[in-house]
Amino acid sequence: MKAPEVFESARLLYRRPALADAGEIFSRYASDPEVTRFMSFPRHESLEETRQFLCWSDAEWERWPAGPYLIRSRPENILVGSTGLSFETPYRAMTGYVFARDAWGMGYATEALGAMAATAATLGVRRLYALCHTAHEQSRHVLEKGGFLREGILRRYMEFPNLAPGEPADVFCYALML
C-alpha cells in the first residue's frame, strides 16, 4: 500500500515534493540558518543541494510506501515547511518537521505531526518515532502535545551540522505506538 501523494488536514495541504519545488524550498526554509539550526541536514547553500534532497526524496518514495511531504497553508497555498515519514522497516518509521520562520507559533507542527501519525497508521506502521536535540524545547513541546512519549536520551547519537559539525549530540527519543 502506498500513501497518498497529496492530502489535506484542517489547515494544511501535504504534497510529495517535485523538482520544480527546489527554488521555493531553498528560499523558504532550507537556506535559513535559524530554521535549520536544529536540523540533522546541513543548511543548503545552493539550489543544487536542494535538488539533491529532491532526488533523495524520489528514491524514498520509490523504495517505501511514503517519504517527504511539502506542507502548504490552505487556502493561501504558501509553502510553510516539510514533514514526512522515513521508513526503517515496513512497521517502523521516523517522522519530523521543519517550518519557515513566518510559520512558527501557528500550531502547524502539531497539526502536521498528527497528519503523519494518521498516515503512518493507515500504512501499517506500529512504531512511529521522532528524535530531537535536547536543547530544542519547542520541538519537545510539539512532540509531547502530539501524544508522543519520551522514551529516553540517546547519548552522542546524532550530528547537528548547523550547531557543531562533526560532533555527535544527545537527542531525546519520542515514540508513538500505533
N, C-alpha and C. Protein backbone atom coordinates (compact mmCIF):
# COMPACT_ATOMS: atom_id res chain seq x y z
N MET A 1 0.84 -1.18 0.00
CA MET A 1 0.00 0.00 0.00
C MET A 1 0.89 1.25 0.00
N LYS A 2 0.52 2.22 -0.78
CA LYS A 2 1.24 3.49 -0.86
C LYS A 2 0.41 4.60 -0.22
N ALA A 3 1.12 5.54 0.40
CA ALA A 3 0.46 6.73 0.96
C ALA A 3 0.00 7.63 -0.18
N PRO A 4 -1.00 8.44 0.06
CA PRO A 4 -1.39 9.40 -0.98
C PRO A 4 -0.28 10.42 -1.18
N GLU A 5 -0.08 10.84 -2.42
CA GLU A 5 0.94 11.84 -2.71
C GLU A 5 0.46 13.25 -2.38
N VAL A 6 -0.85 13.41 -2.24
CA VAL A 6 -1.44 14.69 -1.87
C VAL A 6 -2.60 14.41 -0.93
N PHE A 7 -2.67 15.15 0.18
CA PHE A 7 -3.82 15.07 1.07
C PHE A 7 -3.87 16.33 1.92
N GLU A 8 -4.96 16.49 2.66
CA GLU A 8 -5.17 17.71 3.45
C GLU A 8 -5.48 17.38 4.89
N SER A 9 -5.16 18.32 5.77
CA SER A 9 -5.66 18.31 7.14
C SER A 9 -6.46 19.61 7.30
N ALA A 10 -6.82 19.96 8.50
CA ALA A 10 -7.71 21.11 8.72
C ALA A 10 -7.24 22.38 8.03
N ARG A 11 -5.95 22.73 8.20
CA ARG A 11 -5.45 24.00 7.64
C ARG A 11 -4.32 23.83 6.65
N LEU A 12 -3.89 22.58 6.43
CA LEU A 12 -2.67 22.35 5.65
C LEU A 12 -2.89 21.38 4.50
N LEU A 13 -2.09 21.56 3.46
CA LEU A 13 -2.06 20.66 2.31
C LEU A 13 -0.68 20.00 2.29
N TYR A 14 -0.65 18.69 2.14
CA TYR A 14 0.60 17.92 2.10
C TYR A 14 0.76 17.37 0.69
N ARG A 15 1.96 17.53 0.13
CA ARG A 15 2.19 17.07 -1.24
C ARG A 15 3.61 16.53 -1.37
N ARG A 16 3.73 15.44 -2.11
CA ARG A 16 5.05 14.90 -2.43
C ARG A 16 5.85 15.97 -3.17
N PRO A 17 7.11 16.20 -2.76
CA PRO A 17 7.92 17.22 -3.44
C PRO A 17 8.25 16.84 -4.88
N ALA A 18 8.43 17.86 -5.70
CA ALA A 18 8.84 17.68 -7.10
C ALA A 18 10.04 18.59 -7.38
N LEU A 19 10.77 18.28 -8.40
CA LEU A 19 11.96 19.05 -8.76
C LEU A 19 11.64 20.53 -8.94
N ALA A 20 10.47 20.83 -9.43
CA ALA A 20 10.06 22.23 -9.65
C ALA A 20 9.94 23.01 -8.33
N ASP A 21 9.93 22.33 -7.20
CA ASP A 21 9.81 22.98 -5.89
C ASP A 21 11.16 23.46 -5.33
N ALA A 22 12.25 23.14 -5.99
CA ALA A 22 13.59 23.41 -5.44
C ALA A 22 13.78 24.86 -5.01
N GLY A 23 13.47 25.80 -5.86
CA GLY A 23 13.69 27.21 -5.55
C GLY A 23 12.91 27.67 -4.34
N GLU A 24 11.66 27.23 -4.25
CA GLU A 24 10.81 27.63 -3.14
C GLU A 24 11.28 26.99 -1.83
N ILE A 25 11.66 25.72 -1.85
CA ILE A 25 12.19 25.06 -0.66
C ILE A 25 13.44 25.77 -0.18
N PHE A 26 14.34 26.06 -1.12
CA PHE A 26 15.59 26.72 -0.79
C PHE A 26 15.34 28.08 -0.13
N SER A 27 14.49 28.88 -0.73
CA SER A 27 14.29 30.24 -0.23
C SER A 27 13.42 30.31 1.02
N ARG A 28 12.47 29.39 1.18
CA ARG A 28 11.54 29.47 2.31
C ARG A 28 12.14 28.93 3.61
N TYR A 29 12.92 27.83 3.53
CA TYR A 29 13.43 27.29 4.78
C TYR A 29 14.79 26.60 4.72
N ALA A 30 15.13 25.94 3.64
CA ALA A 30 16.34 25.11 3.63
C ALA A 30 17.64 25.91 3.71
N SER A 31 17.61 27.19 3.32
CA SER A 31 18.82 28.01 3.36
C SER A 31 18.86 28.95 4.57
N ASP A 32 17.85 28.89 5.42
CA ASP A 32 17.75 29.81 6.56
C ASP A 32 18.51 29.24 7.76
N PRO A 33 19.55 29.95 8.22
CA PRO A 33 20.35 29.43 9.34
C PRO A 33 19.56 29.23 10.64
N GLU A 34 18.60 30.07 10.90
CA GLU A 34 17.80 29.93 12.12
C GLU A 34 16.85 28.73 12.02
N VAL A 35 16.24 28.55 10.87
CA VAL A 35 15.32 27.44 10.66
C VAL A 35 16.05 26.10 10.73
N THR A 36 17.22 26.03 10.16
CA THR A 36 17.95 24.76 10.07
C THR A 36 18.85 24.48 11.28
N ARG A 37 18.84 25.35 12.24
CA ARG A 37 19.73 25.24 13.39
C ARG A 37 19.70 23.85 14.04
N PHE A 38 18.53 23.31 14.31
CA PHE A 38 18.40 22.01 14.99
C PHE A 38 18.09 20.87 14.02
N MET A 39 18.36 21.06 12.74
CA MET A 39 18.09 20.01 11.76
C MET A 39 19.29 19.08 11.63
N SER A 40 19.03 17.86 11.22
CA SER A 40 20.11 16.88 11.03
C SER A 40 20.77 17.03 9.66
N PHE A 41 20.21 17.87 8.80
CA PHE A 41 20.83 18.11 7.49
C PHE A 41 21.52 19.48 7.50
N PRO A 42 22.62 19.61 6.77
CA PRO A 42 23.28 20.92 6.69
C PRO A 42 22.40 21.94 5.97
N ARG A 43 22.46 23.16 6.42
CA ARG A 43 21.75 24.25 5.75
C ARG A 43 22.17 24.24 4.28
N HIS A 44 21.21 24.39 3.40
CA HIS A 44 21.51 24.39 1.96
C HIS A 44 22.16 25.72 1.58
N GLU A 45 23.29 25.62 0.91
CA GLU A 45 23.99 26.81 0.47
C GLU A 45 23.83 27.05 -1.02
N SER A 46 23.17 26.11 -1.70
CA SER A 46 22.95 26.27 -3.14
C SER A 46 21.68 25.53 -3.53
N LEU A 47 21.13 25.92 -4.66
CA LEU A 47 19.97 25.21 -5.20
C LEU A 47 20.32 23.77 -5.54
N GLU A 48 21.56 23.51 -5.89
CA GLU A 48 21.98 22.15 -6.20
C GLU A 48 21.79 21.23 -4.99
N GLU A 49 22.08 21.73 -3.79
CA GLU A 49 21.87 20.92 -2.59
C GLU A 49 20.39 20.61 -2.39
N THR A 50 19.54 21.55 -2.69
CA THR A 50 18.10 21.31 -2.59
C THR A 50 17.67 20.30 -3.64
N ARG A 51 18.22 20.38 -4.84
CA ARG A 51 17.90 19.39 -5.89
C ARG A 51 18.35 17.99 -5.47
N GLN A 52 19.48 17.89 -4.78
CA GLN A 52 19.94 16.59 -4.28
C GLN A 52 18.95 16.02 -3.26
N PHE A 53 18.42 16.88 -2.40
CA PHE A 53 17.39 16.44 -1.46
C PHE A 53 16.19 15.89 -2.23
N LEU A 54 15.79 16.56 -3.29
CA LEU A 54 14.62 16.13 -4.06
C LEU A 54 14.87 14.79 -4.74
N CYS A 55 16.10 14.53 -5.17
CA CYS A 55 16.44 13.21 -5.74
C CYS A 55 16.34 12.14 -4.66
N TRP A 56 16.85 12.45 -3.46
CA TRP A 56 16.74 11.53 -2.33
C TRP A 56 15.27 11.27 -2.01
N SER A 57 14.46 12.32 -2.01
CA SER A 57 13.03 12.20 -1.74
C SER A 57 12.37 11.23 -2.72
N ASP A 58 12.67 11.38 -4.01
CA ASP A 58 12.11 10.48 -5.01
C ASP A 58 12.51 9.04 -4.75
N ALA A 59 13.75 8.82 -4.35
CA ALA A 59 14.22 7.46 -4.05
C ALA A 59 13.47 6.87 -2.86
N GLU A 60 13.21 7.69 -1.84
CA GLU A 60 12.44 7.22 -0.68
C GLU A 60 11.03 6.82 -1.10
N TRP A 61 10.40 7.64 -1.92
CA TRP A 61 9.04 7.34 -2.37
C TRP A 61 9.01 6.08 -3.24
N GLU A 62 10.06 5.82 -3.98
CA GLU A 62 10.11 4.61 -4.81
C GLU A 62 10.32 3.37 -3.96
N ARG A 63 11.13 3.48 -2.93
CA ARG A 63 11.51 2.33 -2.10
C ARG A 63 10.45 1.98 -1.05
N TRP A 64 9.79 2.98 -0.48
CA TRP A 64 8.90 2.80 0.66
C TRP A 64 7.49 3.27 0.33
N PRO A 65 6.54 3.05 1.25
CA PRO A 65 5.16 3.49 0.99
C PRO A 65 4.96 5.00 1.02
N ALA A 66 5.93 5.74 1.54
CA ALA A 66 5.83 7.21 1.62
C ALA A 66 7.23 7.78 1.74
N GLY A 67 7.31 9.08 1.86
CA GLY A 67 8.59 9.78 2.00
C GLY A 67 8.30 11.19 2.49
N PRO A 68 9.12 12.15 2.07
CA PRO A 68 8.89 13.54 2.48
C PRO A 68 7.62 14.12 1.86
N TYR A 69 7.06 15.08 2.58
CA TYR A 69 5.94 15.88 2.09
C TYR A 69 6.27 17.35 2.26
N LEU A 70 5.88 18.17 1.29
CA LEU A 70 5.89 19.61 1.48
C LEU A 70 4.57 19.98 2.14
N ILE A 71 4.60 21.04 2.92
CA ILE A 71 3.39 21.49 3.61
C ILE A 71 3.06 22.90 3.13
N ARG A 72 1.82 23.06 2.69
CA ARG A 72 1.33 24.38 2.25
C ARG A 72 0.13 24.77 3.10
N SER A 73 0.02 26.07 3.37
CA SER A 73 -1.14 26.56 4.11
C SER A 73 -2.33 26.63 3.16
N ARG A 74 -3.50 26.36 3.70
CA ARG A 74 -4.72 26.46 2.92
C ARG A 74 -5.49 27.66 3.45
N PRO A 75 -6.15 28.43 2.70
CA PRO A 75 -6.28 28.37 1.25
C PRO A 75 -5.21 29.19 0.52
N GLU A 76 -4.26 29.78 1.26
CA GLU A 76 -3.28 30.68 0.64
C GLU A 76 -2.31 29.97 -0.30
N ASN A 77 -2.12 28.66 -0.10
CA ASN A 77 -1.20 27.86 -0.90
C ASN A 77 0.25 28.34 -0.78
N ILE A 78 0.64 28.76 0.43
CA ILE A 78 2.01 29.21 0.69
C ILE A 78 2.80 28.05 1.28
N LEU A 79 4.00 27.80 0.76
CA LEU A 79 4.86 26.76 1.32
C LEU A 79 5.27 27.19 2.72
N VAL A 80 4.93 26.38 3.72
CA VAL A 80 5.26 26.72 5.11
C VAL A 80 6.31 25.78 5.69
N GLY A 81 6.53 24.60 5.07
CA GLY A 81 7.52 23.69 5.62
C GLY A 81 7.49 22.32 4.98
N SER A 82 8.00 21.36 5.75
CA SER A 82 8.12 19.99 5.26
C SER A 82 7.98 19.03 6.43
N THR A 83 7.50 17.84 6.13
CA THR A 83 7.39 16.75 7.10
C THR A 83 7.56 15.46 6.32
N GLY A 84 7.18 14.35 6.89
CA GLY A 84 7.22 13.10 6.14
C GLY A 84 7.42 11.90 7.02
N LEU A 85 7.58 10.77 6.35
CA LEU A 85 7.85 9.50 7.00
C LEU A 85 9.11 8.92 6.41
N SER A 86 10.00 8.50 7.27
CA SER A 86 11.25 7.85 6.86
C SER A 86 11.23 6.43 7.42
N PHE A 87 11.05 5.46 6.55
CA PHE A 87 10.88 4.07 6.97
C PHE A 87 12.22 3.39 7.24
N GLU A 88 12.21 2.57 8.28
CA GLU A 88 13.34 1.67 8.57
C GLU A 88 12.96 0.24 8.25
N THR A 89 11.71 -0.09 8.52
CA THR A 89 11.11 -1.39 8.19
C THR A 89 9.67 -1.08 7.81
N PRO A 90 8.93 -2.07 7.32
CA PRO A 90 7.52 -1.79 6.99
C PRO A 90 6.68 -1.38 8.20
N TYR A 91 7.11 -1.69 9.41
CA TYR A 91 6.32 -1.37 10.60
C TYR A 91 6.96 -0.32 11.51
N ARG A 92 8.12 0.21 11.14
CA ARG A 92 8.80 1.23 11.97
C ARG A 92 9.26 2.39 11.09
N ALA A 93 8.85 3.59 11.49
CA ALA A 93 9.22 4.78 10.72
C ALA A 93 9.50 5.95 11.66
N MET A 94 10.25 6.90 11.14
CA MET A 94 10.57 8.12 11.87
C MET A 94 9.85 9.28 11.18
N THR A 95 9.51 10.29 11.95
CA THR A 95 8.91 11.49 11.39
C THR A 95 9.62 12.71 11.96
N GLY A 96 9.35 13.85 11.38
CA GLY A 96 9.92 15.11 11.83
C GLY A 96 9.26 16.23 11.06
N TYR A 97 9.76 17.43 11.25
CA TYR A 97 9.15 18.59 10.60
C TYR A 97 10.14 19.74 10.62
N VAL A 98 9.97 20.63 9.65
CA VAL A 98 10.73 21.87 9.59
C VAL A 98 9.80 22.91 8.99
N PHE A 99 9.81 24.12 9.59
CA PHE A 99 8.91 25.17 9.14
C PHE A 99 9.65 26.48 8.92
N ALA A 100 9.22 27.20 7.91
CA ALA A 100 9.73 28.55 7.66
C ALA A 100 9.44 29.41 8.88
N ARG A 101 10.29 30.39 9.12
CA ARG A 101 10.15 31.23 10.32
C ARG A 101 8.78 31.88 10.45
N ASP A 102 8.23 32.36 9.34
CA ASP A 102 6.94 33.05 9.43
C ASP A 102 5.77 32.08 9.70
N ALA A 103 6.06 30.78 9.77
CA ALA A 103 5.04 29.78 10.10
C ALA A 103 5.16 29.28 11.54
N TRP A 104 6.14 29.77 12.28
CA TRP A 104 6.34 29.34 13.67
C TRP A 104 5.21 29.88 14.55
N GLY A 105 4.86 29.10 15.56
CA GLY A 105 3.90 29.55 16.56
C GLY A 105 2.45 29.50 16.12
N MET A 106 2.14 28.86 15.01
CA MET A 106 0.77 28.81 14.49
C MET A 106 0.10 27.45 14.70
N GLY A 107 0.80 26.52 15.34
CA GLY A 107 0.25 25.19 15.55
C GLY A 107 0.39 24.27 14.36
N TYR A 108 1.11 24.69 13.34
CA TYR A 108 1.27 23.86 12.15
C TYR A 108 2.03 22.57 12.44
N ALA A 109 3.05 22.64 13.29
CA ALA A 109 3.86 21.44 13.59
C ALA A 109 3.00 20.38 14.26
N THR A 110 2.17 20.79 15.20
CA THR A 110 1.28 19.84 15.88
C THR A 110 0.31 19.22 14.89
N GLU A 111 -0.24 20.04 14.01
CA GLU A 111 -1.18 19.53 13.00
C GLU A 111 -0.49 18.57 12.05
N ALA A 112 0.71 18.91 11.61
CA ALA A 112 1.45 18.04 10.69
C ALA A 112 1.84 16.73 11.36
N LEU A 113 2.23 16.80 12.62
CA LEU A 113 2.60 15.59 13.36
C LEU A 113 1.40 14.64 13.44
N GLY A 114 0.23 15.18 13.71
CA GLY A 114 -0.98 14.36 13.74
C GLY A 114 -1.28 13.74 12.38
N ALA A 115 -1.08 14.51 11.33
CA ALA A 115 -1.32 14.00 9.98
C ALA A 115 -0.34 12.88 9.63
N MET A 116 0.91 12.99 10.06
CA MET A 116 1.88 11.93 9.79
C MET A 116 1.56 10.68 10.60
N ALA A 117 1.11 10.86 11.84
CA ALA A 117 0.74 9.70 12.65
C ALA A 117 -0.44 8.97 12.02
N ALA A 118 -1.44 9.71 11.56
CA ALA A 118 -2.60 9.09 10.92
C ALA A 118 -2.20 8.38 9.62
N THR A 119 -1.34 9.00 8.84
CA THR A 119 -0.88 8.38 7.59
C THR A 119 -0.10 7.12 7.89
N ALA A 120 0.81 7.19 8.87
CA ALA A 120 1.61 6.02 9.24
C ALA A 120 0.70 4.86 9.67
N ALA A 121 -0.33 5.16 10.44
CA ALA A 121 -1.24 4.12 10.91
C ALA A 121 -1.93 3.41 9.74
N THR A 122 -2.33 4.18 8.71
CA THR A 122 -3.01 3.56 7.57
C THR A 122 -2.06 2.68 6.76
N LEU A 123 -0.75 2.92 6.91
CA LEU A 123 0.25 2.14 6.17
C LEU A 123 0.75 0.93 6.95
N GLY A 124 0.23 0.72 8.14
CA GLY A 124 0.64 -0.44 8.93
C GLY A 124 1.83 -0.21 9.85
N VAL A 125 2.26 1.05 9.98
CA VAL A 125 3.36 1.35 10.90
C VAL A 125 2.86 1.09 12.32
N ARG A 126 3.69 0.43 13.11
CA ARG A 126 3.34 0.15 14.51
C ARG A 126 4.10 1.05 15.47
N ARG A 127 5.29 1.47 15.07
CA ARG A 127 6.11 2.35 15.92
C ARG A 127 6.53 3.55 15.09
N LEU A 128 6.03 4.72 15.47
CA LEU A 128 6.43 5.97 14.83
C LEU A 128 7.23 6.74 15.86
N TYR A 129 8.43 7.16 15.48
CA TYR A 129 9.25 7.88 16.45
C TYR A 129 9.84 9.14 15.86
N ALA A 130 10.35 9.97 16.74
CA ALA A 130 10.99 11.23 16.35
C ALA A 130 12.15 11.48 17.31
N LEU A 131 13.18 12.10 16.81
CA LEU A 131 14.34 12.48 17.61
C LEU A 131 14.44 13.99 17.64
N CYS A 132 14.85 14.54 18.76
CA CYS A 132 15.08 15.98 18.79
C CYS A 132 16.24 16.30 19.74
N HIS A 133 17.00 17.31 19.37
CA HIS A 133 18.12 17.79 20.18
C HIS A 133 17.59 18.13 21.57
N THR A 134 18.37 17.79 22.58
CA THR A 134 17.90 18.01 23.96
C THR A 134 17.67 19.49 24.28
N ALA A 135 18.26 20.40 23.52
CA ALA A 135 18.07 21.83 23.77
C ALA A 135 16.90 22.43 22.98
N HIS A 136 16.26 21.64 22.14
CA HIS A 136 15.19 22.16 21.29
C HIS A 136 13.84 22.04 22.01
N GLU A 137 13.58 22.99 22.88
CA GLU A 137 12.38 22.96 23.72
C GLU A 137 11.09 23.00 22.93
N GLN A 138 11.03 23.79 21.87
CA GLN A 138 9.80 23.90 21.08
C GLN A 138 9.43 22.56 20.45
N SER A 139 10.42 21.85 19.95
CA SER A 139 10.14 20.56 19.33
C SER A 139 9.69 19.54 20.38
N ARG A 140 10.31 19.55 21.53
CA ARG A 140 9.88 18.65 22.62
C ARG A 140 8.40 18.91 22.95
N HIS A 141 8.05 20.18 23.05
CA HIS A 141 6.67 20.55 23.37
C HIS A 141 5.70 20.02 22.31
N VAL A 142 6.04 20.18 21.04
CA VAL A 142 5.18 19.71 19.95
C VAL A 142 5.01 18.19 20.03
N LEU A 143 6.10 17.47 20.24
CA LEU A 143 6.01 16.00 20.30
C LEU A 143 5.14 15.55 21.46
N GLU A 144 5.31 16.16 22.60
CA GLU A 144 4.50 15.79 23.76
C GLU A 144 3.04 16.15 23.55
N LYS A 145 2.77 17.31 22.97
CA LYS A 145 1.40 17.72 22.67
C LYS A 145 0.76 16.76 21.67
N GLY A 146 1.58 16.20 20.77
CA GLY A 146 1.09 15.26 19.77
C GLY A 146 0.93 13.84 20.27
N GLY A 147 1.14 13.61 21.57
CA GLY A 147 0.92 12.29 22.14
C GLY A 147 2.13 11.37 22.12
N PHE A 148 3.26 11.87 21.65
CA PHE A 148 4.48 11.06 21.66
C PHE A 148 5.03 11.02 23.07
N LEU A 149 5.52 9.86 23.48
CA LEU A 149 6.08 9.69 24.81
C LEU A 149 7.61 9.69 24.73
N ARG A 150 8.24 10.42 25.63
CA ARG A 150 9.70 10.43 25.65
C ARG A 150 10.19 9.13 26.27
N GLU A 151 10.97 8.40 25.49
CA GLU A 151 11.49 7.11 25.93
C GLU A 151 12.85 7.23 26.61
N GLY A 152 13.57 8.28 26.29
CA GLY A 152 14.87 8.44 26.91
C GLY A 152 15.79 9.34 26.10
N ILE A 153 17.04 9.34 26.51
CA ILE A 153 18.08 10.13 25.84
C ILE A 153 19.04 9.17 25.16
N LEU A 154 19.32 9.44 23.90
CA LEU A 154 20.35 8.70 23.17
C LEU A 154 21.61 9.57 23.22
N ARG A 155 22.59 9.12 23.94
CA ARG A 155 23.81 9.90 24.17
C ARG A 155 24.72 9.91 22.94
N ARG A 156 25.19 11.13 22.61
CA ARG A 156 26.13 11.32 21.50
C ARG A 156 25.68 10.52 20.27
N TYR A 157 24.43 10.71 19.91
CA TYR A 157 23.77 9.86 18.93
C TYR A 157 23.75 10.42 17.52
N MET A 158 23.64 11.74 17.41
CA MET A 158 23.34 12.31 16.10
C MET A 158 24.07 13.63 15.91
N GLU A 159 24.53 13.84 14.69
CA GLU A 159 25.21 15.10 14.38
C GLU A 159 24.18 16.16 13.97
N PHE A 160 24.40 17.35 14.45
CA PHE A 160 23.61 18.51 14.04
C PHE A 160 24.60 19.47 13.37
N PRO A 161 24.76 19.34 12.05
CA PRO A 161 25.84 20.04 11.35
C PRO A 161 25.77 21.55 11.41
N ASN A 162 24.60 22.10 11.74
CA ASN A 162 24.46 23.56 11.81
C ASN A 162 24.75 24.09 13.21
N LEU A 163 24.93 23.19 14.16
CA LEU A 163 25.29 23.57 15.53
C LEU A 163 26.76 23.30 15.81
N ALA A 164 27.16 22.03 15.62
CA ALA A 164 28.53 21.61 15.92
C ALA A 164 28.93 20.52 14.94
N PRO A 165 29.40 20.90 13.75
CA PRO A 165 29.75 19.91 12.73
C PRO A 165 30.75 18.88 13.25
N GLY A 166 30.47 17.61 12.95
CA GLY A 166 31.38 16.53 13.31
C GLY A 166 31.31 16.10 14.76
N GLU A 167 30.41 16.69 15.53
CA GLU A 167 30.31 16.37 16.96
C GLU A 167 28.93 15.80 17.25
N PRO A 168 28.83 14.49 17.53
CA PRO A 168 27.51 13.92 17.84
C PRO A 168 26.94 14.51 19.12
N ALA A 169 25.64 14.75 19.12
CA ALA A 169 24.96 15.36 20.24
C ALA A 169 23.94 14.39 20.84
N ASP A 170 23.54 14.67 22.07
CA ASP A 170 22.48 13.92 22.72
C ASP A 170 21.13 14.29 22.09
N VAL A 171 20.24 13.31 21.98
CA VAL A 171 18.89 13.57 21.48
C VAL A 171 17.88 12.87 22.38
N PHE A 172 16.70 13.45 22.45
CA PHE A 172 15.58 12.77 23.07
C PHE A 172 14.93 11.90 22.02
N CYS A 173 14.53 10.71 22.43
CA CYS A 173 13.78 9.82 21.55
C CYS A 173 12.33 9.78 22.04
N TYR A 174 11.43 10.15 21.15
CA TYR A 174 9.99 10.14 21.43
C TYR A 174 9.35 9.09 20.51
N ALA A 175 8.33 8.41 21.00
CA ALA A 175 7.67 7.41 20.17
C ALA A 175 6.17 7.39 20.42
N LEU A 176 5.48 6.91 19.40
CA LEU A 176 4.04 6.73 19.44
C LEU A 176 3.78 5.33 18.91
N MET A 177 3.08 4.52 19.70
CA MET A 177 2.72 3.19 19.25
C MET A 177 1.35 3.27 18.57
N LEU A 178 1.28 2.78 17.36
CA LEU A 178 0.05 2.88 16.57
C LEU A 178 -0.68 1.56 16.52
